[in-house]
Amino acid sequence: MQLYDTARRGVFAMEPGPLVSLYSCGITPYDAAHLGHAFVYLTFDVLQRRLRDVGHETRCVRNVTDVDDDILRRARQLGVNYLDLAAREMAKFEHDMQLINLLPVYSEPRATGAIPEILTMIGELFDSGHAYEAGGWVYFQAQTFARFGQVSHEDRDAMLRLAALHGGDPGDPRKRDPLDFVLWQPSLEDEPAWESRWGAGRPGWHIECSALARRELGDTLDVHGGGRDLAFPHHECEAAQSESATGRPFVRHWLHVGLVGLDGTKMSKSLGNLVFVSQLTQHAEPAAVRLAMLDQHYRHDWEWREELLSRAQSRLATWRSTLNGRPSSVLQEVRDALDDDLNCPAALAAVDAAAHSGATVAPAAALLGITL
């Protein structure tokens, strides 16, 4: 299989062992997960299906960020406990992922369940000189990691702009450098707090994923990724702190998925321009929703349009009309397309051609997670 790697900026052959480790950054459950989230997890699902088809065992971990600024702020606005809010939104999320037939993940660990591992990693970074404390806040010192920028390849000005956009607060006066990022911070009076050697507080965003990935899958992951907007700062910071703590490569393949838009703007919770899987399945069957997303290449940004759903529904009908058709080589054509950097649109085109010729396409559809 050939797969694009963000850090190396090219398509490279995967060379995994019998067991393939995958880590997909999960949701922060303070509001409903939208189609953009679903597209990320569908990409990892298709990758897993093909790897299993080849004969590999896969372990895909998808974390839950159940303590950070966003969820605490939202819980405060609603007047509810942050864990109750997380439980409510996770139930909705799991329901939507089941609708589009995602394989169950190997584990779905929560940040609040890994505080000991988080504190251990922060301690390693602090004791080795990669982190410092200022007024109860602990920061990773970016200049101590020579390869900072290896994942995203952004220059300093772009990093500062993106850090500010994603809550990194480059203007924080406690920082030695504006690109330094939070590992541990004091909790506000109404926020959860855990005891640490730097005082009571809670973890920063980036350290949660590093600690969870290490606990669940080890020091080096075969594939790690998420939406394209996570390359910086989240994944850049993860790589820096993980490799500083372990002295080993963190990720073999960085996989980043394109963003989904609506009416010319990226879907985002802050803007409220969202489309939900559960909403779409009120008008079409879940398999059509999955198929509509599969018709987009995972690395490309794309726009949701209603006609994508009607097209997918028609496609399903055509595929189902071949259930008693003659055998064909389309399954191998789909395998070849997926091995070419998960080229799902090409895979769908191959199935279409076979279906129009009267050949049965059920095995090929099944590899794509579609049951006819």
Protein backbone atom coordinates (compact mmCIF):
# COMPACT_ATOMS: atom_id res chain seq x y z
CA MET A 1 0.00 0.00 0.00
CA GLN A 2 1.18 3.49 -0.91
CA LEU A 3 0.10 6.22 1.51
CA TYR A 4 0.78 9.95 1.62
CA ASP A 5 2.87 11.07 4.59
CA THR A 6 2.44 14.69 5.65
CA ALA A 7 5.83 14.95 7.33
CA ARG A 8 7.76 13.60 4.32
CA ARG A 9 5.46 15.42 1.88
CA GLY A 10 5.05 12.51 -0.50
CA VAL A 11 3.51 9.11 -1.12
CA PHE A 12 5.50 6.28 0.40
CA ALA A 13 5.06 2.53 0.74
CA MET A 14 3.73 1.32 4.05
CA GLU A 15 5.87 -1.45 5.49
CA PRO A 16 4.00 -2.53 8.61
CA GLY A 17 4.44 -5.73 10.55
CA PRO A 18 1.67 -8.23 11.21
CA LEU A 19 0.16 -5.82 13.78
CA VAL A 20 -0.57 -2.28 12.56
CA SER A 21 -1.04 0.48 15.14
CA LEU A 22 -3.24 3.45 14.25
CA TYR A 23 -4.17 6.48 16.34
CA SER A 24 -6.90 8.85 15.22
CA CYS A 25 -7.47 12.03 17.19
CA GLY A 26 -11.03 11.82 18.50
CA ILE A 27 -13.60 14.42 19.39
CA THR A 28 -13.86 16.88 22.23
CA PRO A 29 -17.42 16.01 23.24
CA TYR A 30 -18.85 19.42 24.06
CA ASP A 31 -21.19 19.54 21.05
CA ALA A 32 -22.43 17.22 18.33
CA ALA A 33 -19.84 15.65 16.00
CA HIS A 34 -20.44 16.71 12.39
CA LEU A 35 -19.77 15.33 8.91
CA GLY A 36 -16.18 16.61 8.97
CA HIS A 37 -15.45 14.39 11.97
CA ALA A 38 -17.21 11.44 10.31
CA PHE A 39 -15.06 11.86 7.19
CA VAL A 40 -11.87 11.53 9.24
CA TYR A 41 -13.00 8.36 11.00
CA LEU A 42 -14.34 6.89 7.75
CA THR A 43 -10.85 7.33 6.24
CA PHE A 44 -9.29 5.37 9.08
CA ASP A 45 -12.05 2.76 8.73
CA VAL A 46 -11.31 2.18 5.04
CA LEU A 47 -7.59 1.94 5.80
CA GLN A 48 -8.26 -0.65 8.48
CA ARG A 49 -10.52 -2.68 6.21
CA ARG A 50 -7.88 -2.90 3.49
CA LEU A 51 -5.10 -3.74 5.96
CA ARG A 52 -7.26 -6.53 7.42
CA ASP A 53 -8.10 -7.70 3.89
CA VAL A 54 -4.35 -8.11 3.28
CA GLY A 55 -4.03 -10.12 6.48
CA HIS A 56 -2.82 -7.63 9.07
CA GLU A 57 -4.22 -7.27 12.55
CA THR A 58 -5.10 -3.63 13.23
CA ARG A 59 -5.38 -1.73 16.48
CA CYS A 60 -6.99 1.65 16.00
CA VAL A 61 -7.19 3.94 19.02
CA ARG A 62 -9.51 6.97 18.96
CA ASN A 63 -9.19 9.14 22.05
CA VAL A 64 -11.79 11.30 23.77
CA THR A 65 -10.64 14.74 24.93
CA ASP A 66 -13.00 14.97 27.88
CA VAL A 67 -11.12 17.72 29.73
CA ASP A 68 -9.90 20.88 27.99
CA ASP A 69 -10.80 24.55 27.65
CA ASP A 70 -13.64 23.97 25.17
CA ILE A 71 -15.58 21.34 27.09
CA LEU A 72 -15.14 23.14 30.42
CA ARG A 73 -16.30 26.41 28.90
CA ARG A 74 -19.37 24.76 27.36
CA ALA A 75 -20.26 22.91 30.56
CA ARG A 76 -20.03 26.21 32.44
CA GLN A 77 -22.38 27.87 29.94
CA LEU A 78 -24.91 25.05 30.23
CA GLY A 79 -24.59 24.72 33.99
CA VAL A 80 -23.81 21.00 33.83
CA ASN A 81 -20.96 18.77 34.94
CA TYR A 82 -18.35 18.45 32.21
CA LEU A 83 -18.37 14.65 32.41
CA ASP A 84 -22.16 14.55 32.04
CA LEU A 85 -21.83 16.74 28.97
CA ALA A 86 -19.16 14.42 27.57
CA ALA A 87 -21.28 11.33 28.18
CA ARG A 88 -24.28 12.86 26.41
CA GLU A 89 -22.34 13.94 23.34
CA MET A 90 -20.36 10.68 23.15
CA ALA A 91 -23.62 8.71 23.03
CA LYS A 92 -24.70 10.77 20.01
CA PHE A 93 -21.31 10.35 18.39
CA GLU A 94 -21.23 6.57 18.83
CA HIS A 95 -24.72 6.31 17.36
CA ASP A 96 -23.69 8.26 14.25
CA MET A 97 -20.53 6.21 13.74
CA GLN A 98 -22.54 2.99 13.96
CA LEU A 99 -24.98 4.34 11.36
CA ILE A 100 -22.20 4.64 8.76
CA ASN A 101 -20.88 1.17 9.62
CA LEU A 102 -17.51 2.03 11.14
CA LEU A 103 -15.53 -0.86 12.57
CA PRO A 104 -15.34 -0.75 16.37
CA VAL A 105 -12.08 0.83 17.52
CA TYR A 106 -9.55 -1.15 19.52
CA SER A 107 -9.92 1.33 22.39
CA GLU A 108 -11.44 4.74 23.01
CA PRO A 109 -9.52 6.08 26.02
CA ARG A 110 -10.42 9.30 27.78
CA ALA A 111 -7.97 11.95 28.87
CA THR A 112 -9.38 11.94 32.40
CA GLY A 113 -8.50 8.25 32.63
CA ALA A 114 -4.81 8.86 31.90
CA ILE A 115 -3.78 11.54 34.40
CA PRO A 116 -1.01 9.33 35.94
CA GLU A 117 0.47 8.66 32.49
CA ILE A 118 0.18 12.34 31.56
CA LEU A 119 1.97 13.43 34.74
CA THR A 120 4.68 10.81 34.18
CA MET A 121 5.39 12.13 30.69
CA ILE A 122 5.41 15.75 31.84
CA GLY A 123 7.83 14.75 34.58
CA GLU A 124 10.14 13.13 32.04
CA LEU A 125 10.11 16.27 29.91
CA PHE A 126 10.66 18.52 32.93
CA ASP A 127 13.54 16.47 34.33
CA SER A 128 15.29 16.25 30.94
CA GLY A 129 15.18 20.02 30.40
CA HIS A 130 12.49 20.11 27.72
CA ALA A 131 9.91 21.71 30.03
CA TYR A 132 9.86 24.48 32.63
CA GLU A 133 7.48 25.78 35.29
CA ALA A 134 6.19 29.33 35.72
CA GLY A 135 3.63 30.14 38.39
CA GLY A 136 2.14 26.65 38.47
CA TRP A 137 2.05 26.43 34.67
CA VAL A 138 4.35 23.92 32.94
CA TYR A 139 5.40 24.59 29.35
CA PHE A 140 7.22 22.57 26.71
CA GLN A 141 10.20 24.60 25.49
CA ALA A 142 9.97 24.33 21.71
CA GLN A 143 13.55 25.48 21.09
CA THR A 144 14.88 22.39 22.87
CA PHE A 145 13.52 20.20 20.06
CA ALA A 146 15.54 20.83 16.91
CA ARG A 147 12.99 19.20 14.60
CA PHE A 148 10.06 21.39 15.68
CA GLY A 149 8.17 21.96 12.43
CA GLN A 150 8.91 18.50 10.99
CA VAL A 151 5.24 17.53 10.65
CA SER A 152 3.55 20.67 9.34
CA HIS A 153 6.55 22.41 7.67
CA GLU A 154 5.07 25.78 8.64
CA ASP A 155 7.42 28.73 9.14
CA ARG A 156 7.56 30.60 12.43
CA ASP A 157 5.10 33.32 11.42
CA ALA A 158 2.54 30.75 10.29
CA MET A 159 3.04 28.75 13.48
CA LEU A 160 2.40 31.80 15.62
CA ARG A 161 -0.74 32.64 13.65
CA LEU A 162 -2.08 29.08 13.86
CA ALA A 163 -1.20 28.80 17.55
CA ALA A 164 -3.24 31.93 18.27
CA LEU A 165 -6.13 30.61 16.17
CA HIS A 166 -6.23 27.34 18.10
CA GLY A 167 -5.97 28.74 21.62
CA GLY A 168 -2.20 28.52 22.00
CA ASP A 169 -1.92 32.11 23.30
CA PRO A 170 1.50 33.12 21.89
CA GLY A 171 1.27 36.34 23.92
CA ASP A 172 1.29 34.52 27.28
CA PRO A 173 3.91 36.48 29.31
CA ARG A 174 4.92 33.40 31.28
CA LYS A 175 6.38 31.78 28.18
CA ARG A 176 10.07 31.90 27.35
CA ASP A 177 9.14 31.73 23.66
CA PRO A 178 5.73 32.39 22.06
CA LEU A 179 5.80 28.91 20.47
CA ASP A 180 6.13 27.13 23.82
CA PHE A 181 2.96 25.27 24.70
CA VAL A 182 1.13 24.21 27.85
CA LEU A 183 1.69 20.80 29.41
CA TRP A 184 0.03 21.52 32.77
CA GLN A 185 -1.99 24.44 34.05
CA PRO A 186 -3.64 25.51 37.31
CA SER A 187 -7.39 24.85 37.35
CA LEU A 188 -9.92 27.59 37.87
CA GLU A 189 -12.12 27.34 40.96
CA ASP A 190 -14.97 25.59 39.14
CA GLU A 191 -12.73 23.27 37.06
CA PRO A 192 -11.56 19.73 37.82
CA ALA A 193 -8.11 19.51 39.36
CA TRP A 194 -5.56 16.80 40.00
CA GLU A 195 -2.56 17.00 42.31
CA SER A 196 0.89 17.27 40.76
CA ARG A 197 4.41 18.27 41.76
CA TRP A 198 3.67 21.72 40.29
CA GLY A 199 0.42 22.14 42.18
CA ALA A 200 -3.20 21.21 41.56
CA GLY A 201 -4.28 21.60 37.96
CA ARG A 202 -5.18 19.89 34.70
CA PRO A 203 -3.35 18.84 31.53
CA GLY A 204 -2.89 20.82 28.35
CA TRP A 205 -4.43 19.61 25.11
CA HIS A 206 -1.42 18.15 23.30
CA ILE A 207 0.04 16.07 26.13
CA GLU A 208 -3.18 14.10 26.48
CA CYS A 209 -2.81 12.44 23.07
CA SER A 210 0.90 11.75 23.50
CA ALA A 211 0.33 10.00 26.81
CA LEU A 212 -2.68 8.03 25.57
CA ALA A 213 -0.96 6.94 22.36
CA ARG A 214 2.08 5.77 24.30
CA ARG A 215 -0.01 3.88 26.85
CA GLU A 216 -2.25 2.19 24.29
CA LEU A 217 0.13 1.55 21.38
CA GLY A 218 3.74 2.12 22.47
CA ASP A 219 6.41 4.67 21.62
CA THR A 220 6.13 4.49 17.80
CA LEU A 221 2.87 4.40 15.84
CA ASP A 222 2.45 3.10 12.30
CA VAL A 223 -0.21 5.68 11.39
CA HIS A 224 -1.40 8.76 13.25
CA GLY A 225 -3.58 11.56 12.04
CA GLY A 226 -6.83 13.43 11.90
CA GLY A 227 -8.20 16.47 10.13
CA ARG A 228 -5.79 18.62 8.15
CA ASP A 229 -6.26 21.45 10.64
CA LEU A 230 -4.61 19.36 13.37
CA ALA A 231 -1.18 19.24 11.68
CA PHE A 232 -0.29 22.43 13.53
CA PRO A 233 -0.33 22.94 16.41
CA HIS A 234 -1.68 19.66 17.74
CA HIS A 235 0.32 17.05 15.88
CA GLU A 236 3.46 19.16 15.69
CA CYS A 237 3.43 19.53 19.46
CA GLU A 238 2.63 15.86 19.99
CA ALA A 239 5.62 14.82 17.90
CA ALA A 240 7.95 17.21 19.70
CA GLN A 241 7.01 16.17 23.21
CA SER A 242 6.73 12.44 22.45
CA GLU A 243 10.10 12.19 20.74
CA SER A 244 11.71 14.34 23.44
CA ALA A 245 10.34 12.00 26.12
CA THR A 246 11.11 8.66 24.44
CA GLY A 247 14.07 9.42 22.18
CA ARG A 248 12.34 7.40 19.45
CA PRO A 249 10.40 8.25 16.26
CA PHE A 250 6.77 8.93 17.15
CA VAL A 251 4.95 8.21 13.87
CA ARG A 252 5.85 6.36 10.65
CA HIS A 253 3.01 7.78 8.56
CA TRP A 254 1.20 11.04 9.29
CA LEU A 255 -2.25 10.87 7.67
CA HIS A 256 -4.22 14.11 7.37
CA VAL A 257 -7.74 14.31 6.02
CA GLY A 258 -9.27 17.16 4.03
CA LEU A 259 -11.81 19.53 5.53
CA VAL A 260 -15.51 19.42 4.73
CA GLY A 261 -17.28 22.67 3.92
CA LEU A 262 -20.82 23.93 3.64
CA ASP A 263 -21.87 27.00 1.66
CA GLY A 264 -18.25 27.94 0.98
CA THR A 265 -17.00 27.74 4.57
CA LYS A 266 -15.34 24.96 6.57
CA MET A 267 -17.77 23.24 8.90
CA SER A 268 -17.06 24.23 12.49
CA LYS A 269 -18.86 24.17 15.81
CA SER A 270 -18.04 27.82 16.40
CA LEU A 271 -19.76 28.88 13.16
CA GLY A 272 -22.65 26.45 13.51
CA ASN A 273 -22.64 25.58 9.78
CA LEU A 274 -22.90 21.87 10.43
CA VAL A 275 -24.32 18.77 8.78
CA PHE A 276 -24.80 15.64 10.88
CA VAL A 277 -24.90 11.96 9.94
CA SER A 278 -28.07 11.41 11.96
CA GLN A 279 -29.70 14.34 10.17
CA LEU A 280 -28.86 12.93 6.74
CA THR A 281 -30.15 9.47 7.60
CA GLN A 282 -33.61 10.95 8.07
CA HIS A 283 -33.70 11.44 4.29
CA ALA A 284 -31.59 8.54 2.99
CA GLU A 285 -30.32 5.20 4.21
CA PRO A 286 -27.04 5.21 6.16
CA ALA A 287 -25.21 3.28 3.42
CA ALA A 288 -25.88 6.17 1.04
CA VAL A 289 -24.35 8.64 3.52
CA ARG A 290 -21.23 6.48 3.74
CA LEU A 291 -21.11 6.15 -0.04
CA ALA A 292 -21.43 9.91 -0.54
CA MET A 293 -18.36 10.45 1.62
CA LEU A 294 -16.43 7.63 -0.06
CA ASP A 295 -16.78 9.50 -3.35
CA GLN A 296 -14.32 12.14 -2.04
CA HIS A 297 -10.55 11.61 -1.91
CA TYR A 298 -9.50 11.74 1.72
CA ARG A 299 -6.73 14.31 1.19
CA HIS A 300 -8.89 16.86 -0.59
CA ASP A 301 -11.10 19.53 0.92
CA TRP A 302 -14.66 19.24 -0.36
CA GLU A 303 -18.09 20.76 -0.03
CA TRP A 304 -21.23 18.99 1.13
CA ARG A 305 -24.10 19.28 -1.37
CA GLU A 306 -27.51 17.62 -1.25
CA GLU A 307 -27.04 16.08 -4.68
CA LEU A 308 -24.20 13.94 -3.31
CA LEU A 309 -26.76 12.02 -1.29
CA SER A 310 -29.20 11.46 -4.15
CA ARG A 311 -26.32 10.36 -6.38
CA ALA A 312 -25.19 7.86 -3.74
CA GLN A 313 -28.69 6.48 -3.37
CA SER A 314 -28.94 5.90 -7.15
CA ARG A 315 -25.50 4.28 -7.11
CA LEU A 316 -26.62 1.87 -4.39
CA ALA A 317 -29.65 0.85 -6.43
CA THR A 318 -27.44 0.10 -9.44
CA TRP A 319 -25.02 -1.95 -7.38
CA ARG A 320 -27.85 -3.94 -5.80
CA SER A 321 -29.27 -4.78 -9.20
CA THR A 322 -26.19 -6.95 -9.83
CA LEU A 323 -26.58 -9.30 -6.85
CA ASN A 324 -27.22 -12.22 -9.21
CA GLY A 325 -24.75 -11.05 -11.85
CA ARG A 326 -21.71 -12.81 -13.25
CA PRO A 327 -18.33 -12.87 -11.43
CA SER A 328 -15.72 -10.23 -12.29
CA SER A 329 -12.29 -8.91 -11.32
CA VAL A 330 -13.68 -5.75 -9.71
CA LEU A 331 -12.64 -6.76 -6.18
CA GLN A 332 -8.98 -6.68 -7.22
CA GLU A 333 -9.53 -3.36 -8.98
CA VAL A 334 -10.88 -1.92 -5.72
CA ARG A 335 -7.91 -3.32 -3.81
CA ASP A 336 -5.53 -1.71 -6.30
CA ALA A 337 -7.31 1.65 -5.97
CA LEU A 338 -7.16 1.56 -2.17
CA ASP A 339 -3.48 0.64 -2.30
CA ASP A 340 -2.94 3.81 -4.34
CA ASP A 341 -3.18 6.25 -1.41
CA LEU A 342 -6.73 5.18 -0.50
CA ASN A 343 -8.18 6.31 -3.82
CA CYS A 344 -11.82 5.70 -2.95
CA PRO A 345 -13.26 7.66 -5.91
CA ALA A 346 -11.31 5.37 -8.27
CA ALA A 347 -12.56 2.34 -6.35
CA LEU A 348 -16.15 3.52 -6.71
CA ALA A 349 -15.67 4.15 -10.43
CA ALA A 350 -14.41 0.58 -10.86
CA VAL A 351 -17.46 -0.79 -9.06
CA ASP A 352 -19.73 1.40 -11.20
CA ALA A 353 -18.17 0.04 -14.40
CA ALA A 354 -18.57 -3.54 -13.26
CA ALA A 355 -22.15 -2.98 -12.20
CA HIS A 356 -23.07 -1.40 -15.53
CA SER A 357 -21.58 -4.43 -17.30
CA GLY A 358 -23.84 -6.73 -15.30
CA ALA A 359 -21.14 -8.17 -13.02
CA THR A 360 -21.81 -8.76 -9.35
CA VAL A 361 -20.11 -6.17 -7.12
CA ALA A 362 -21.12 -7.29 -3.62
CA PRO A 363 -17.62 -8.44 -2.48
CA ALA A 364 -16.05 -5.20 -3.70
CA ALA A 365 -18.75 -3.14 -2.00
CA ALA A 366 -18.19 -5.09 1.22
CA LEU A 367 -14.49 -4.16 1.22
CA LEU A 368 -15.64 -0.52 1.14
CA GLY A 369 -17.94 -1.15 4.09
CA ILE A 370 -21.14 -1.21 2.02
CA THR A 371 -23.53 -4.14 2.50
CA LEU A 372 -25.80 -4.62 -0.51
